[in-house]
Structures are given as structure tokens and as C-alpha cells.
Amino acid sequence: MFRSFSIFNYRVWFIGALVSNIGTWMQATALSWVVLTQLTDNDAGAMGITMALQFAPPLLLVGVTGWVADRFDRRRLLMLTQASLLTLGVTIGILILTGVMTLPLMFIFAVGLGLIAAFDNPARQAFVSDLVDRENASNAVALNAASFNGARMIGPAVAGIVIVAIGTGWVFLINAVAFLAMIVMLTLIRADELVPRVKATGASRLADGFRYVAGRPDLVVTFAMVFLLGAFGMNFPILASTMALEFGQGADGYGLLSSILAIGSLVGALLAAQRDRARMRLVILGTGLFAVAGVVSAFMPNYWLYAISLMFTGFAVVTTLTTANGYVQTTTDPALRGRVMALYMAILMGGTPIGAPIVGWVAGEFGPRAAIMLGALAAAVAFTIGFVWLVVSGRLHRHETRRFGLSLGETRPIEVVAPEEFSDEVAGTTPIRLPDTARS
């Protein structure tokens, strides 16, 4: 389960990411709560707009951010993005503490956070593959998810306590310390021990990632499922905060819901770390489980039963996304990994500008339970897409002697796209042989 910890660079990265993630979850909790209760009168629609503004830049800038992640030193790029996020967090905290923060101003800061995250996310995702060899990549991705969700258990609960005790603005200032810890850890990483990678060298290659994904039906299906889950199913700040208010809870009750959700998420991530490879059929199964858990949670009659149901929701969503992330990373050509991961993150996060305002409107007009059911319906559609593809592609009944439709004895390569349509560094790797770990 913890085999990636044998690598020094990954141990350093994991510690820095854990501290940074705790601060990030604290800030996310405080940001949602201040919009819902201080800048508006429990307006879930305004929270949906705030989320949409944060997640729109990754979608709009997907080609550029992916190319940047492939072209430049990812470690230095991450140091720059973390420093920028630190600066914005401190500024927001000071404005809240001085009483001059307004909703339009918060919308502007939401866009700023989204712009920086658009460059940070693909670099962060692809950097994991720079820290470990391909055999450990799936395990490293799963441990990253464990760090993310372990922090989710701690961050929101701490944020709720801090908000009640000394105020929302202080949460943003505390988060600045977490970003600083990440920067320090990035400086400690041994650059000479990073896994060598091919770098992009020209702007004309931005479209390579799109062409690659278009030639991989399994990735197209994965991205479709992730989009539906991200757009309509993962609006937890809206759903948990409005459900907390419905049950008569305050900021501490809201933070506790996020932490309880993370318990199931952490279990899902650790189980994913035990698996030798990421499989498509587990991604599909996870979306189905998410749909069932959503329906159950929508009918919970009190706060604690709803909280318990969230553990199953967290388990389902992390099982789906961790497996999908690992599958994409371990089956993508290394020269294109940054661009493909940028597209993956754009699909995952970019669905929020579409779904969050809709979910927020539904929660405001019909109540949070209706919004939860909307997310469950989207997950059911995602499951249907994945299952139909599994049947049509002939992978419903797995054959151990066949991978990607080829017998192990066959030696002909799988050409996803004609080599001349790719840039030089990618064309140099074609015909592309998809790895054994990519079987469903």
C-alpha cells in the first residue's frame, strides 16, 4: 500500500502536499461559508456562481496550461503557483478581517484563484509521474488521493472551529502557512533523482493532447463519466452547507460534514493504493455506487444519519476519481502526459461552471435534497455510459490473454493517430504501444 514511500522525493512531496491540502480544505470551507452567511443571506445560487468562477479557467485555458506543464520545469512551476496562491489567500483574509470584502470582490478573487489553479493542477498531477517510476505511478496517485482526503478530514473541521472561535478571515491567513510549507518541501526535492521526461518545445503542439484522447475511446468514455460527476455530483460545498442549515447547524456542523465525507474518501484512496493497476471497470462501478449513495443521503431524516451516508458518498467518488486518474496517467504516452492531464483536470473541474450554478439554483428553489438527487441522476447517466461502452467494446467478459483487443502474441503496434499528425517529440515515440496496465 505504501511502496512509493521508499522513494525520498515522494516522501518529501507527500508531507508537503498533506500540509498544503489541509490548508486548502480550510480555505475552501471558509470561502463557501463566508459567501453563504456573511456576504449573502444564505444564497446557494451565489455560492454556485463563486464555484463556477473558480473552476472556469481550467476549462478555458486547458490547451495552454497542459502545454506549460509539459514544456517547463514542473517543480519550479509549482513553486510559482503555490506562492501566488499564498498571496491571494493572505489578501482575502485581510479584506475579510477589515470588513471591506464584498460579494463582487469575492467573485474577482474567485477568478484569480481559478486562474492560478488552472496552471497548478495539471503540473501537480503530472509531477507525481516525475517522482516515481511507472510501476509505482498508480500507487503514488492513490496515495496522493489519500493525502488529499486525509486533509479533508482535518481541514474543514478545523476551519469550522476557527470560524466560530476567532472569525473566517483567520482561516485564510493560516492557509498561507500551509502554502509556505509546500514551497519548502519543493525546494528539498532532489532534482537529479526525478524521472527523466520528454519536454514539449513548441506552441504548435497544443492540439496533440486533444488528438491523442480523441484516438482513445477508453479515455473519451472516462472523461465523459468524470465530467458528469464533476459537474453535477461533486458540488459538496453547496450541498453540505445547505443541508447543515436545514438541520439547524452552524459553521462547525458544516465543517464536520466535510470531515465525515472524507472518512469514506480516505478509505477509498487507501484501497486504491493496494491495487496493482487502475482498471476501467472499477471507474464504472464507482459511478454506480455514487448514484446509489446519493439517493440514500437525499432521504436521510436527521443530521447524523445524513453525515453517515456521506461516508459512502466519499468512498464512491474517490474510488472513481482515483482510479480514473491512475488509469489516465499510466496509459498515456509520457510526452503527452501533461497535456492529457490538463484536459482531464479541465473536464473534472471545468464541469463545475456548468453544474454548480444549476445545482445552486435547484438547492435554492427546491431544497438541497433535490440538488442531491440531481447529482445522483448524473452519476447514474455516467454509469450507463460506461457500462454500455464496456458491453459494446467486448470488455464485459475479460480475457486474460487479450489487452486492448490484441492477443499477447501479437506484435503489431496500436497506432492511435498517424505519427505525422503529432509533433516531433511525440512522433518519435509512435507507433504507440499501450502498456499492460491499461487493461480494463
Protein backbone atom coordinates (compact mmCIF):
# COMPACT_ATOMS: atom_id res chain seq x y z
CA MET A 1 0.00 0.00 0.00
CA PHE A 2 2.82 2.44 0.84
CA ARG A 3 5.53 1.26 -1.56
CA SER A 4 6.02 4.73 -3.08
CA PHE A 5 7.30 5.94 0.31
CA SER A 6 10.52 4.05 -0.38
CA ILE A 7 11.41 6.94 -2.74
CA PHE A 8 12.87 10.01 -0.99
CA ASN A 9 11.38 12.57 -3.36
CA TYR A 10 7.92 11.12 -2.98
CA ARG A 11 8.15 11.14 0.83
CA VAL A 12 9.08 14.82 0.78
CA TRP A 13 6.31 15.61 -1.71
CA PHE A 14 3.73 13.70 0.32
CA ILE A 15 4.48 15.63 3.52
CA GLY A 16 4.32 18.98 1.75
CA ALA A 17 1.13 18.03 -0.09
CA LEU A 18 -0.56 16.87 3.12
CA VAL A 19 0.12 20.16 4.90
CA SER A 20 -0.87 22.17 1.84
CA ASN A 21 -4.07 20.16 1.37
CA ILE A 22 -5.12 20.74 4.98
CA GLY A 23 -4.78 24.48 4.42
CA THR A 24 -6.59 24.27 1.09
CA TRP A 25 -9.57 22.48 2.64
CA MET A 26 -9.67 25.02 5.45
CA GLN A 27 -9.76 27.84 2.92
CA ALA A 28 -12.38 26.14 0.72
CA THR A 29 -14.64 25.68 3.76
CA ALA A 30 -14.19 29.29 4.87
CA LEU A 31 -14.75 30.64 1.35
CA SER A 32 -18.06 28.80 0.96
CA TRP A 33 -19.24 29.79 4.42
CA VAL A 34 -18.39 33.48 4.07
CA VAL A 35 -20.29 33.69 0.77
CA LEU A 36 -23.29 31.84 2.16
CA THR A 37 -23.61 33.54 5.54
CA GLN A 38 -21.65 36.84 5.55
CA LEU A 39 -21.79 38.19 2.01
CA THR A 40 -25.32 36.90 1.27
CA ASP A 41 -28.38 35.78 3.19
CA ASN A 42 -27.97 32.02 2.72
CA ASP A 43 -27.90 32.39 -1.08
CA ALA A 44 -26.90 28.98 -2.51
CA GLY A 45 -27.02 30.46 -6.02
CA ALA A 46 -24.27 32.95 -5.15
CA MET A 47 -22.15 30.10 -3.85
CA GLY A 48 -22.71 28.25 -7.12
CA ILE A 49 -21.53 31.29 -9.07
CA THR A 50 -18.44 31.57 -6.85
CA MET A 51 -17.58 27.93 -7.53
CA ALA A 52 -18.19 28.38 -11.24
CA LEU A 53 -15.82 31.35 -11.40
CA GLN A 54 -13.10 29.32 -9.68
CA PHE A 55 -13.42 26.34 -11.97
CA ALA A 56 -13.99 28.09 -15.30
CA PRO A 57 -10.30 29.00 -16.02
CA PRO A 58 -9.06 25.36 -16.03
CA LEU A 59 -11.60 24.61 -18.75
CA LEU A 60 -10.97 27.74 -20.82
CA LEU A 61 -7.17 27.50 -20.63
CA VAL A 62 -6.80 23.74 -20.92
CA GLY A 63 -4.61 23.80 -24.04
CA VAL A 64 -2.20 26.40 -22.70
CA THR A 65 -1.89 25.04 -19.16
CA GLY A 66 -1.26 21.49 -20.35
CA TRP A 67 1.43 22.64 -22.74
CA VAL A 68 3.07 24.69 -19.97
CA ALA A 69 3.10 21.60 -17.71
CA ASP A 70 4.88 19.64 -20.46
CA ARG A 71 7.20 22.44 -21.56
CA PHE A 72 8.60 23.85 -18.29
CA ASP A 73 10.19 22.54 -15.11
CA ARG A 74 7.17 21.36 -13.11
CA ARG A 75 8.85 21.76 -9.74
CA ARG A 76 9.61 25.42 -10.33
CA LEU A 77 6.20 25.97 -11.86
CA LEU A 78 4.58 24.57 -8.72
CA MET A 79 6.70 26.83 -6.52
CA LEU A 80 5.42 29.81 -8.50
CA THR A 81 1.76 28.77 -8.33
CA GLN A 82 1.95 27.99 -4.62
CA ALA A 83 3.49 31.40 -3.93
CA SER A 84 0.74 33.07 -5.95
CA LEU A 85 -2.00 31.17 -4.10
CA LEU A 86 -0.38 32.17 -0.81
CA THR A 87 -0.50 35.85 -1.81
CA LEU A 88 -4.16 35.70 -2.81
CA GLY A 89 -5.13 33.86 0.38
CA VAL A 90 -3.47 36.44 2.60
CA THR A 91 -5.14 39.27 0.69
CA ILE A 92 -8.61 37.71 1.01
CA GLY A 93 -8.08 37.11 4.73
CA ILE A 94 -7.04 40.70 5.38
CA LEU A 95 -10.01 42.08 3.45
CA ILE A 96 -12.43 39.89 5.43
CA LEU A 97 -10.86 40.83 8.77
CA THR A 98 -11.01 44.55 7.94
CA GLY A 99 -14.66 44.27 6.88
CA VAL A 100 -14.24 45.55 3.32
CA MET A 101 -14.87 42.29 1.46
CA THR A 102 -17.96 42.33 -0.78
CA LEU A 103 -19.61 39.71 -2.96
CA PRO A 104 -18.46 41.27 -6.29
CA LEU A 105 -14.93 41.50 -4.90
CA MET A 106 -15.08 37.87 -3.83
CA PHE A 107 -16.17 36.96 -7.36
CA ILE A 108 -13.00 38.66 -8.66
CA PHE A 109 -10.82 36.74 -6.22
CA ALA A 110 -12.57 33.51 -7.22
CA VAL A 111 -11.49 34.12 -10.81
CA GLY A 112 -7.93 34.80 -9.62
CA LEU A 113 -7.83 31.57 -7.63
CA GLY A 114 -9.15 29.71 -10.67
CA LEU A 115 -6.52 31.19 -13.00
CA ILE A 116 -3.67 30.07 -10.76
CA ALA A 117 -5.24 26.66 -10.15
CA ALA A 118 -5.54 26.21 -13.92
CA PHE A 119 -1.73 26.07 -14.12
CA ASP A 120 -1.19 24.41 -10.74
CA ASN A 121 -3.45 21.38 -11.19
CA PRO A 122 -2.01 19.76 -14.37
CA ALA A 123 1.53 20.43 -13.19
CA ARG A 124 0.74 18.90 -9.79
CA GLN A 125 -0.93 15.83 -11.31
CA ALA A 126 1.81 15.20 -13.87
CA PHE A 127 4.60 15.89 -11.35
CA VAL A 128 3.69 12.70 -9.48
CA SER A 129 4.93 10.73 -12.50
CA ASP A 130 8.22 12.65 -12.29
CA LEU A 131 8.73 11.44 -8.71
CA VAL A 132 8.23 7.68 -9.22
CA ASP A 133 8.73 5.14 -11.99
CA ARG A 134 5.76 3.86 -13.99
CA GLU A 135 5.45 0.69 -11.91
CA ASN A 136 4.67 2.82 -8.85
CA ALA A 137 2.68 5.54 -10.60
CA SER A 138 -0.76 4.11 -9.81
CA ASN A 139 0.21 3.63 -6.16
CA ALA A 140 1.60 7.18 -5.96
CA VAL A 141 -1.60 8.62 -7.44
CA ALA A 142 -3.69 6.70 -4.91
CA LEU A 143 -1.51 7.85 -2.00
CA ASN A 144 -1.89 11.40 -3.28
CA ALA A 145 -5.64 10.92 -3.08
CA ALA A 146 -5.21 9.57 0.46
CA SER A 147 -3.27 12.72 1.38
CA PHE A 148 -5.95 14.89 -0.20
CA ASN A 149 -8.77 13.16 1.64
CA GLY A 150 -6.87 12.75 4.89
CA ALA A 151 -6.51 16.52 4.80
CA ARG A 152 -10.20 16.75 4.04
CA MET A 153 -10.91 15.02 7.35
CA ILE A 154 -8.86 17.59 9.24
CA GLY A 155 -9.16 20.87 7.30
CA PRO A 156 -12.94 21.53 7.27
CA ALA A 157 -13.37 20.55 10.93
CA VAL A 158 -10.51 22.83 11.99
CA ALA A 159 -11.86 25.60 9.77
CA GLY A 160 -15.29 25.32 11.41
CA ILE A 161 -13.74 25.63 14.87
CA VAL A 162 -11.57 28.60 13.84
CA ILE A 163 -14.53 30.38 12.22
CA VAL A 164 -16.62 30.02 15.37
CA ALA A 165 -13.74 30.90 17.70
CA ILE A 166 -11.93 33.84 16.04
CA GLY A 167 -13.51 34.53 12.63
CA THR A 168 -13.42 33.49 8.97
CA GLY A 169 -10.57 35.76 7.89
CA TRP A 170 -8.04 33.98 10.09
CA VAL A 171 -8.60 30.73 8.18
CA PHE A 172 -7.15 32.31 5.03
CA LEU A 173 -4.09 33.55 6.93
CA ILE A 174 -3.49 30.11 8.45
CA ASN A 175 -3.68 28.63 4.95
CA ALA A 176 -0.79 30.87 3.91
CA VAL A 177 1.46 28.94 6.30
CA ALA A 178 0.42 25.69 4.62
CA PHE A 179 1.38 27.02 1.19
CA LEU A 180 4.73 28.08 2.61
CA ALA A 181 5.33 24.53 3.86
CA MET A 182 4.70 23.19 0.35
CA ILE A 183 7.21 25.62 -1.14
CA VAL A 184 9.84 24.50 1.38
CA MET A 185 9.26 20.83 0.54
CA LEU A 186 9.56 21.53 -3.19
CA THR A 187 12.99 23.05 -2.58
CA LEU A 188 14.08 19.88 -0.73
CA ILE A 189 13.23 17.56 -3.64
CA ARG A 190 16.37 16.17 -5.32
CA ALA A 191 16.17 17.28 -8.93
CA ASP A 192 18.79 14.74 -10.07
CA GLU A 193 16.56 11.87 -8.85
CA LEU A 194 13.47 12.91 -10.81
CA VAL A 195 12.34 10.57 -13.58
CA PRO A 196 13.60 11.91 -16.95
CA ARG A 197 10.83 13.10 -19.24
CA VAL A 198 10.31 14.39 -22.75
CA LYS A 199 9.50 18.09 -22.90
CA ALA A 200 7.33 19.90 -25.40
CA THR A 201 9.20 22.54 -27.40
CA GLY A 202 6.64 24.44 -29.49
CA ALA A 203 3.26 26.12 -29.28
CA SER A 204 2.02 24.24 -32.34
CA ARG A 205 1.78 21.10 -30.24
CA LEU A 206 -1.10 22.24 -28.05
CA ALA A 207 -3.53 20.13 -30.07
CA ASP A 208 -1.54 16.89 -29.62
CA GLY A 209 -3.30 16.09 -26.36
CA PHE A 210 -6.73 16.50 -27.93
CA ARG A 211 -5.80 14.29 -30.91
CA TYR A 212 -4.40 11.64 -28.61
CA VAL A 213 -7.52 11.49 -26.44
CA ALA A 214 -9.79 11.51 -29.50
CA GLY A 215 -7.98 8.39 -30.73
CA ARG A 216 -8.53 6.57 -27.42
CA PRO A 217 -12.23 5.60 -26.97
CA ASP A 218 -11.49 4.39 -23.43
CA LEU A 219 -10.23 7.85 -22.47
CA VAL A 220 -13.21 9.55 -24.14
CA VAL A 221 -15.57 7.40 -22.05
CA THR A 222 -13.54 8.08 -18.89
CA PHE A 223 -13.62 11.82 -19.49
CA ALA A 224 -17.39 11.73 -20.13
CA MET A 225 -18.02 9.98 -16.81
CA VAL A 226 -15.69 12.30 -14.93
CA PHE A 227 -17.38 15.35 -16.47
CA LEU A 228 -20.85 14.31 -15.31
CA LEU A 229 -19.60 13.52 -11.83
CA GLY A 230 -17.66 16.77 -11.56
CA ALA A 231 -20.39 18.99 -12.97
CA PHE A 232 -23.42 17.75 -11.03
CA GLY A 233 -22.32 15.27 -8.38
CA MET A 234 -19.36 16.90 -6.64
CA ASN A 235 -20.80 20.23 -5.54
CA PHE A 236 -20.26 19.31 -1.90
CA PRO A 237 -19.80 22.89 -0.60
CA ILE A 238 -23.29 23.75 -1.84
CA LEU A 239 -24.93 20.51 -0.75
CA ALA A 240 -23.26 20.11 2.66
CA SER A 241 -23.66 23.76 3.69
CA THR A 242 -27.33 23.97 2.71
CA MET A 243 -28.07 20.61 4.37
CA ALA A 244 -26.27 21.83 7.51
CA LEU A 245 -28.53 24.89 7.59
CA GLU A 246 -31.59 22.70 7.02
CA PHE A 247 -30.64 20.67 10.09
CA GLY A 248 -30.05 23.85 12.13
CA GLN A 249 -26.25 23.57 12.20
CA GLY A 250 -23.62 26.32 12.07
CA ALA A 251 -20.12 26.57 10.60
CA ASP A 252 -18.79 23.84 12.90
CA GLY A 253 -21.59 21.47 11.83
CA TYR A 254 -20.83 22.20 8.17
CA GLY A 255 -17.12 21.59 8.68
CA LEU A 256 -17.85 18.31 10.44
CA LEU A 257 -19.92 17.10 7.47
CA SER A 258 -16.96 17.70 5.15
CA SER A 259 -14.67 15.80 7.51
CA ILE A 260 -17.06 12.85 7.77
CA LEU A 261 -17.30 12.76 3.97
CA ALA A 262 -13.51 12.50 3.96
CA ILE A 263 -13.54 9.37 6.13
CA GLY A 264 -15.07 7.37 3.30
CA SER A 265 -12.85 9.17 0.81
CA LEU A 266 -9.71 8.19 2.72
CA VAL A 267 -10.78 4.54 2.87
CA GLY A 268 -11.40 4.58 -0.88
CA ALA A 269 -7.99 6.10 -1.57
CA LEU A 270 -6.12 3.60 0.61
CA LEU A 271 -7.88 0.66 -1.00
CA ALA A 272 -6.95 2.09 -4.41
CA ALA A 273 -3.31 2.23 -3.28
CA GLN A 274 -3.37 -1.52 -2.66
CA ARG A 275 -4.38 -2.37 -6.22
CA ASP A 276 -1.64 -3.25 -8.68
CA ARG A 277 -3.24 -1.25 -11.51
CA ALA A 278 -6.12 1.08 -12.26
CA ARG A 279 -8.96 -0.55 -14.20
CA MET A 280 -11.78 0.99 -16.20
CA ARG A 281 -14.44 -1.32 -14.82
CA LEU A 282 -13.75 -0.01 -11.30
CA VAL A 283 -14.28 3.56 -12.56
CA ILE A 284 -17.66 2.47 -13.92
CA LEU A 285 -18.59 0.63 -10.73
CA GLY A 286 -17.69 3.69 -8.66
CA THR A 287 -20.12 5.92 -10.57
CA GLY A 288 -22.92 3.42 -9.93
CA LEU A 289 -22.12 3.35 -6.22
CA PHE A 290 -22.11 7.16 -6.15
CA ALA A 291 -25.61 7.23 -7.65
CA VAL A 292 -26.94 4.82 -5.02
CA ALA A 293 -25.25 6.68 -2.14
CA GLY A 294 -26.66 9.99 -3.40
CA VAL A 295 -30.22 8.69 -3.44
CA VAL A 296 -29.85 7.29 0.08
CA SER A 297 -28.37 10.51 1.50
CA ALA A 298 -31.16 12.61 -0.04
CA PHE A 299 -33.72 10.80 2.14
CA MET A 300 -31.86 10.92 5.45
CA PRO A 301 -34.18 12.44 8.11
CA ASN A 302 -31.62 13.95 10.50
CA TYR A 303 -28.13 15.41 10.66
CA TRP A 304 -26.26 12.34 11.92
CA LEU A 305 -27.83 9.86 9.53
CA TYR A 306 -27.06 12.23 6.68
CA ALA A 307 -23.49 12.52 7.93
CA ILE A 308 -23.09 8.72 7.99
CA SER A 309 -24.43 8.43 4.44
CA LEU A 310 -21.74 10.88 3.31
CA MET A 311 -19.05 8.33 4.13
CA PHE A 312 -20.39 6.08 1.39
CA THR A 313 -20.60 9.04 -0.99
CA GLY A 314 -16.97 9.92 -0.25
CA PHE A 315 -15.86 6.32 -0.76
CA ALA A 316 -17.63 6.15 -4.12
CA VAL A 317 -16.34 9.43 -5.51
CA VAL A 318 -12.71 8.82 -4.51
CA THR A 319 -12.76 5.25 -5.81
CA THR A 320 -14.00 6.60 -9.14
CA LEU A 321 -11.69 9.59 -9.46
CA THR A 322 -8.52 7.99 -8.06
CA THR A 323 -8.91 5.02 -10.38
CA ALA A 324 -9.69 7.28 -13.34
CA ASN A 325 -6.66 9.47 -12.58
CA GLY A 326 -4.35 6.48 -12.26
CA TYR A 327 -5.74 4.91 -15.43
CA VAL A 328 -5.20 8.07 -17.46
CA GLN A 329 -1.68 8.64 -16.12
CA THR A 330 -0.41 5.08 -16.54
CA THR A 331 -1.83 4.56 -20.04
CA THR A 332 -0.88 7.91 -21.56
CA ASP A 333 2.25 8.45 -23.64
CA PRO A 334 4.82 10.23 -21.38
CA ALA A 335 5.45 13.02 -23.91
CA LEU A 336 1.78 13.96 -23.75
CA ARG A 337 1.06 13.33 -20.09
CA GLY A 338 0.95 16.98 -19.03
CA ARG A 339 -1.46 17.93 -21.81
CA VAL A 340 -3.68 14.91 -21.28
CA MET A 341 -3.77 15.52 -17.51
CA ALA A 342 -4.61 19.17 -18.13
CA LEU A 343 -7.51 18.02 -20.26
CA TYR A 344 -8.54 15.54 -17.56
CA MET A 345 -8.47 18.23 -14.85
CA ALA A 346 -10.31 20.66 -17.13
CA ILE A 347 -13.03 18.10 -17.70
CA LEU A 348 -13.24 17.32 -13.98
CA MET A 349 -13.11 20.89 -12.69
CA GLY A 350 -14.42 22.64 -15.78
CA GLY A 351 -17.77 20.95 -15.42
CA THR A 352 -18.35 22.97 -12.25
CA PRO A 353 -19.05 26.29 -14.06
CA ILE A 354 -21.88 24.46 -15.81
CA GLY A 355 -23.18 22.34 -12.97
CA ALA A 356 -22.62 24.47 -9.85
CA PRO A 357 -24.99 27.33 -10.79
CA ILE A 358 -27.64 24.77 -11.76
CA VAL A 359 -27.18 22.79 -8.54
CA GLY A 360 -27.17 26.01 -6.52
CA TRP A 361 -30.40 27.16 -8.20
CA VAL A 362 -32.07 23.80 -7.60
CA ALA A 363 -30.99 23.87 -3.94
CA GLY A 364 -32.36 27.40 -3.55
CA GLU A 365 -35.65 26.76 -5.33
CA PHE A 366 -36.47 23.16 -4.41
CA GLY A 367 -34.20 22.45 -1.45
CA PRO A 368 -30.82 20.69 -1.04
CA ARG A 369 -32.36 17.22 -1.24
CA ALA A 370 -33.50 17.87 -4.81
CA ALA A 371 -29.98 19.06 -5.65
CA ILE A 372 -28.52 15.85 -4.22
CA MET A 373 -30.92 13.81 -6.38
CA LEU A 374 -29.74 15.77 -9.44
CA GLY A 375 -26.17 14.68 -8.72
CA ALA A 376 -27.28 11.08 -8.25
CA LEU A 377 -29.06 11.20 -11.61
CA ALA A 378 -25.91 12.49 -13.32
CA ALA A 379 -23.90 9.64 -11.74
CA ALA A 380 -26.47 7.14 -12.99
CA VAL A 381 -26.09 8.52 -16.52
CA ALA A 382 -22.29 8.25 -16.18
CA PHE A 383 -22.62 4.63 -15.07
CA THR A 384 -24.86 3.90 -18.05
CA ILE A 385 -22.34 5.41 -20.48
CA GLY A 386 -19.51 3.36 -19.00
CA PHE A 387 -21.47 0.12 -18.85
CA VAL A 388 -22.73 0.44 -22.43
CA TRP A 389 -19.16 1.05 -23.63
CA LEU A 390 -17.99 -1.96 -21.65
CA VAL A 391 -20.55 -4.15 -23.41
CA VAL A 392 -20.09 -2.70 -26.92
CA SER A 393 -16.29 -2.87 -26.71
CA GLY A 394 -16.42 -6.53 -25.74
CA ARG A 395 -14.71 -5.98 -22.36
CA LEU A 396 -17.63 -7.03 -20.20
CA HIS A 397 -16.15 -10.55 -20.14
CA ARG A 398 -12.45 -10.01 -19.60
CA HIS A 399 -9.98 -12.27 -21.36
CA GLU A 400 -6.66 -12.57 -19.57
CA THR A 401 -4.92 -13.28 -22.87
CA ARG A 402 -6.09 -10.06 -24.51
CA ARG A 403 -5.28 -6.47 -23.74
CA PHE A 404 -6.73 -3.56 -25.65
CA GLY A 405 -8.20 -6.06 -28.07
CA LEU A 406 -4.81 -7.58 -29.02
CA SER A 407 -3.59 -11.06 -28.21
CA LEU A 408 -0.40 -11.11 -26.20
CA GLY A 409 1.24 -12.97 -29.02
CA GLU A 410 0.59 -10.18 -31.49
CA THR A 411 3.44 -7.78 -32.09
CA ARG A 412 1.78 -5.17 -34.26
CA PRO A 413 1.59 -1.78 -32.50
CA ILE A 414 -1.56 0.20 -31.79
CA GLU A 415 -1.40 3.42 -33.76
CA VAL A 416 -3.75 5.82 -32.06
CA VAL A 417 -3.15 8.61 -34.56
CA ALA A 418 -0.88 8.78 -37.58
CA PRO A 419 2.66 9.80 -36.44
CA GLU A 420 2.87 12.69 -38.89
CA GLU A 421 -0.05 14.37 -37.13
CA PHE A 422 1.98 14.65 -33.93
CA SER A 423 4.86 16.93 -33.03
CA ASP A 424 8.45 15.74 -33.26
CA GLU A 425 8.88 14.51 -29.69
CA VAL A 426 5.58 12.60 -29.82
CA ALA A 427 6.11 11.26 -33.32
CA GLY A 428 9.41 9.90 -32.07
CA THR A 429 7.52 7.63 -29.69
CA THR A 430 4.97 6.33 -32.19
CA PRO A 431 3.68 3.77 -33.08
CA ILE A 432 2.40 3.95 -29.51
CA ARG A 433 2.31 0.68 -27.61
CA LEU A 434 -0.25 0.89 -24.85
CA PRO A 435 1.05 -0.56 -21.56
CA ASP A 436 -0.14 -3.75 -19.94
CA THR A 437 -1.55 -1.78 -17.03
CA ALA A 438 -4.18 -0.28 -19.31
CA ARG A 439 -6.40 -3.32 -19.48
CA SER A 440 -9.88 -2.74 -18.16
